[in-house]
Protein backbone atom coordinates (compact mmCIF):
# COMPACT_ATOMS: atom_id res chain seq x y z
CA MET A 1 84.22 108.95 103.95
CA VAL A 2 83.29 107.35 100.25
CA ALA A 3 82.91 110.33 97.77
CA VAL A 4 85.90 112.98 99.57
CA GLN A 5 88.42 110.57 101.53
CA ILE A 6 88.29 107.36 98.45
CA ALA A 7 86.68 107.74 95.15
CA ALA A 8 88.24 111.15 95.34
CA ARG A 9 91.43 109.13 95.53
CA GLY A 10 91.63 107.40 92.67
CA VAL A 11 89.28 104.14 93.68
CA ARG A 12 87.08 103.71 91.13
CA HIS A 13 85.52 99.31 91.53
CA ARG A 14 82.22 100.43 92.31
CA ARG A 15 80.72 97.39 94.42
CA THR A 16 83.92 98.14 96.97
CA LEU A 17 82.87 102.08 97.06
CA ALA A 18 79.47 100.52 97.48
CA ALA A 19 80.72 97.82 100.84
CA LEU A 20 82.33 101.00 102.05
CA ALA A 21 79.14 102.45 101.79
CA ALA A 22 77.51 99.58 103.19
CA VAL A 23 79.33 99.48 106.04
CA PRO A 24 78.76 101.08 109.27
CA ARG A 25 83.04 101.67 111.02
CA HIS A 26 81.83 103.12 113.61
CA ARG A 27 80.81 99.63 115.03
CA PHE A 28 83.44 98.27 114.35
CA VAL A 29 85.64 101.22 116.28
CA PRO A 30 86.07 101.18 120.51
CA ALA A 31 83.33 103.89 122.47
CA ALA A 32 86.24 106.28 123.23
CA VAL A 33 87.50 106.96 119.34
CA ALA A 34 84.26 106.36 116.86
CA ALA A 35 83.66 110.02 116.52
CA ALA A 36 87.12 110.01 114.18
CA ALA A 37 85.68 106.67 112.98
CA TYR A 38 85.08 108.10 109.23
CA ASP A 39 88.08 110.04 109.57
CA ASP A 40 90.52 108.98 106.95
CA ALA A 41 93.27 107.23 110.05
CA PRO A 42 93.34 104.24 111.30
CA LEU A 43 92.81 103.91 115.10
CA PRO A 44 93.81 101.88 118.26
CA VAL A 45 90.99 99.17 117.84
CA GLY A 46 92.58 97.53 121.75
CA HIS A 47 95.36 95.09 122.61
CA GLY A 48 97.81 97.28 120.68
CA GLN A 49 96.19 96.71 116.79
CA THR A 50 94.36 98.77 114.73
CA ILE A 51 92.14 99.41 112.31
CA SER A 52 93.38 100.68 109.03
CA GLN A 53 92.48 104.25 107.25
CA PRO A 54 89.31 103.72 104.59
CA TYR A 55 91.37 104.52 101.81
CA MET A 56 93.55 101.37 102.22
CA VAL A 57 90.58 99.32 103.23
CA ALA A 58 89.37 100.74 99.49
CA LEU A 59 92.32 100.00 98.05
CA MET A 60 93.47 96.67 99.55
CA THR A 61 89.96 95.88 98.33
CA ALA A 62 89.80 97.00 95.27
CA VAL A 63 92.80 95.46 94.01
CA LEU A 64 91.88 91.75 94.80
CA ALA A 65 88.12 92.85 92.32
CA PRO A 66 86.44 90.25 95.04
CA ARG A 67 83.79 88.50 92.81
CA ARG A 68 79.93 87.45 94.11
CA GLY A 69 81.32 83.65 94.57
CA ASP A 70 84.32 84.14 95.25
CA ARG A 71 85.62 82.82 98.42
CA VAL A 72 88.52 84.93 100.74
CA LEU A 73 90.27 84.42 103.56
CA GLU A 74 91.26 86.42 105.15
CA ILE A 75 94.61 87.18 107.32
CA GLY A 76 94.13 89.75 110.22
CA THR A 77 90.74 90.20 111.08
CA GLY A 78 91.16 92.92 113.35
CA SER A 79 88.47 94.33 114.25
CA GLY A 80 86.15 92.78 112.16
CA TYR A 81 85.53 95.94 109.71
CA GLN A 82 87.77 94.80 106.56
CA THR A 83 85.53 91.04 107.24
CA ALA A 84 82.47 93.11 106.96
CA VAL A 85 83.57 94.77 103.97
CA LEU A 86 84.12 91.71 102.30
CA ALA A 87 81.30 89.63 103.34
CA HIS A 88 79.59 92.16 101.35
CA LEU A 89 81.10 91.54 98.51
CA VAL A 90 81.65 87.77 98.22
CA ARG A 91 79.77 84.65 98.71
CA ARG A 92 82.02 83.00 102.34
CA VAL A 93 85.17 84.85 104.53
CA PHE A 94 87.76 82.32 106.11
CA THR A 95 89.19 85.26 108.32
CA ILE A 96 91.62 84.45 110.95
CA GLU A 97 92.75 86.73 114.09
CA ARG A 98 95.73 85.21 116.30
CA LEU A 99 94.35 87.08 119.34
CA PRO A 100 91.21 85.31 121.01
CA GLU A 101 90.29 88.76 122.21
CA LEU A 102 89.92 90.73 118.92
CA ALA A 103 88.61 87.73 117.11
CA CYS A 104 85.73 87.38 120.26
CA GLU A 105 85.20 91.07 119.22
CA ALA A 106 85.07 90.76 116.07
CA GLU A 107 82.65 87.57 115.84
CA ARG A 108 80.34 89.54 117.41
CA ARG A 109 80.26 92.83 116.00
CA LEU A 110 80.29 91.03 112.60
CA ALA A 111 76.69 88.78 113.98
CA ALA A 112 75.63 92.02 115.65
CA LEU A 113 75.18 92.55 111.28
CA GLY A 114 73.75 90.05 110.55
CA LEU A 115 76.77 89.41 108.07
CA ALA A 116 76.07 84.67 108.65
CA ASN A 117 79.26 84.02 105.56
CA VAL A 118 81.97 84.57 107.46
CA GLU A 119 83.46 81.99 109.20
CA CYS A 120 86.47 82.77 112.08
CA ARG A 121 88.88 80.69 113.89
CA VAL A 122 91.90 82.04 115.75
CA GLY A 123 95.50 80.57 114.58
CA ASP A 124 98.34 81.67 112.88
CA GLY A 125 97.27 83.25 109.48
CA SER A 126 100.93 83.24 108.08
CA ARG A 127 99.69 79.14 108.23
CA GLY A 128 96.83 80.38 105.87
CA TRP A 129 93.74 77.69 106.64
CA PRO A 130 94.41 74.29 104.54
CA GLU A 131 90.61 72.58 105.08
CA ALA A 132 89.14 75.23 104.01
CA ALA A 133 91.40 75.89 100.51
CA PRO A 134 91.20 76.88 97.28
CA PHE A 135 90.38 80.28 97.80
CA ASP A 136 89.90 82.24 95.05
CA ALA A 137 91.09 85.88 96.26
CA ILE A 138 94.13 85.50 99.90
CA LEU A 139 93.61 89.38 101.69
CA VAL A 140 96.60 89.69 104.52
CA THR A 141 96.24 92.29 106.54
CA ALA A 142 99.69 92.60 108.39
CA ALA A 143 103.16 93.81 107.09
CA ALA A 144 105.01 90.38 106.22
CA PRO A 145 109.07 90.11 105.21
CA ALA A 146 107.75 88.11 101.55
CA ILE A 147 104.74 86.81 100.81
CA PRO A 148 104.50 83.63 102.98
CA PRO A 149 104.54 80.37 100.17
CA PRO A 150 101.33 78.43 102.38
CA LEU A 151 99.61 81.93 101.33
CA VAL A 152 99.95 80.91 97.67
CA GLU A 153 100.29 76.92 98.01
CA GLN A 154 96.03 77.89 99.22
CA LEU A 155 95.40 79.91 96.03
CA ALA A 156 92.83 78.15 93.09
CA PRO A 157 94.27 78.83 89.54
CA GLY A 158 93.79 82.51 88.96
CA GLY A 159 93.12 83.17 92.56
CA ARG A 160 94.65 86.91 93.67
CA ILE A 161 96.23 88.17 96.77
CA ALA A 162 97.46 91.40 98.07
CA VAL A 163 99.81 91.55 101.11
CA PRO A 164 101.85 94.22 102.94
CA VAL A 165 105.37 93.68 101.96
CA GLY A 166 108.42 95.22 104.27
CA ASP A 167 109.71 96.08 106.89
CA LEU A 168 108.48 98.49 109.95
CA ALA A 169 110.56 100.68 108.22
CA PHE A 170 109.02 100.56 104.77
CA GLN A 171 105.85 98.11 103.07
CA GLU A 172 104.94 97.67 100.08
CA LEU A 173 101.63 96.83 98.98
CA VAL A 174 101.87 93.73 96.85
CA VAL A 175 99.48 92.05 94.53
CA GLY A 176 99.38 88.81 92.94
CA SER A 177 97.61 86.18 90.72
CA LEU A 178 98.69 82.72 90.18
CA ALA A 179 98.62 81.40 86.78
CA PRO A 180 97.61 78.09 85.51
CA ASP A 181 101.46 77.18 85.74
CA GLY A 182 101.41 77.47 89.76
CA HIS A 183 103.77 80.63 88.95
CA LEU A 184 102.54 84.23 91.05
CA ALA A 185 103.51 87.18 88.73
CA THR A 186 103.48 90.46 90.72
CA ARG A 187 102.18 93.92 90.91
CA GLU A 188 103.19 96.82 93.46
CA ALA A 189 99.94 98.25 94.16
CA GLY A 190 101.53 101.62 96.39
CA GLY A 191 102.95 102.23 99.89
CA CYS A 192 101.55 100.70 102.92
CA ARG A 193 101.79 101.41 106.67
CA PHE A 194 100.47 97.83 108.69
CA VAL A 195 101.35 95.68 112.17
CA PRO A 196 103.58 93.16 111.29
CA LEU A 197 102.47 89.84 110.56
CA ILE A 198 103.73 87.01 112.79
CA GLY A 199 103.77 83.38 112.21
CA ALA A 200 106.10 80.53 111.72
CA HIS A 201 105.93 81.92 107.41
CA ALA A 202 106.70 85.89 109.15
CA PHE A 203 108.10 87.57 111.71
CA ARG A 204 108.90 86.25 115.27
CA GLU A 205 106.72 87.09 118.34
CA ASP A 206 109.96 89.41 119.82
CA PHE A 207 109.93 91.66 116.12
């Protein structure tokens, strides 16, 4: 998976590749689709949600350039797979999931793999986690109409953020870096497709 679907497609961040190789993806999908766990495709994980394709997980991780000492906020825990990849790369991961059932399942999987540097909560991810801020990096695994302002406010100076921006028809992965003066410089890192981010600073429940 790592050699053919990720490295061969241009992801060169060595630590990201090593983390993808270390995390057993089949542990994060339902048994009914476990045989396809290493295919380069998203898979259903229940509750109307999906686990992203391996390439997209690798790309989103690599564009953040995670460092060992980082404190990272993840919005959208899902099955916990992206969380596990981040946990292999940084000092601490704070992850938020709006669906209690998914959050509980993800927390169980992460604990079973011995990943003790993860803190989970259920809530509105578009608001971030202000009590734990600032963060060195923020990764959003759902599409928002724009980068939610509370997330930018919770970045440390020099912090990085990656958010799929757009609607159900078209999304672009937007990567930002926060300058010391508070300006967020952004760039586009390619098209993507994610479920919508639901919350006070994103789409409504009836989106």
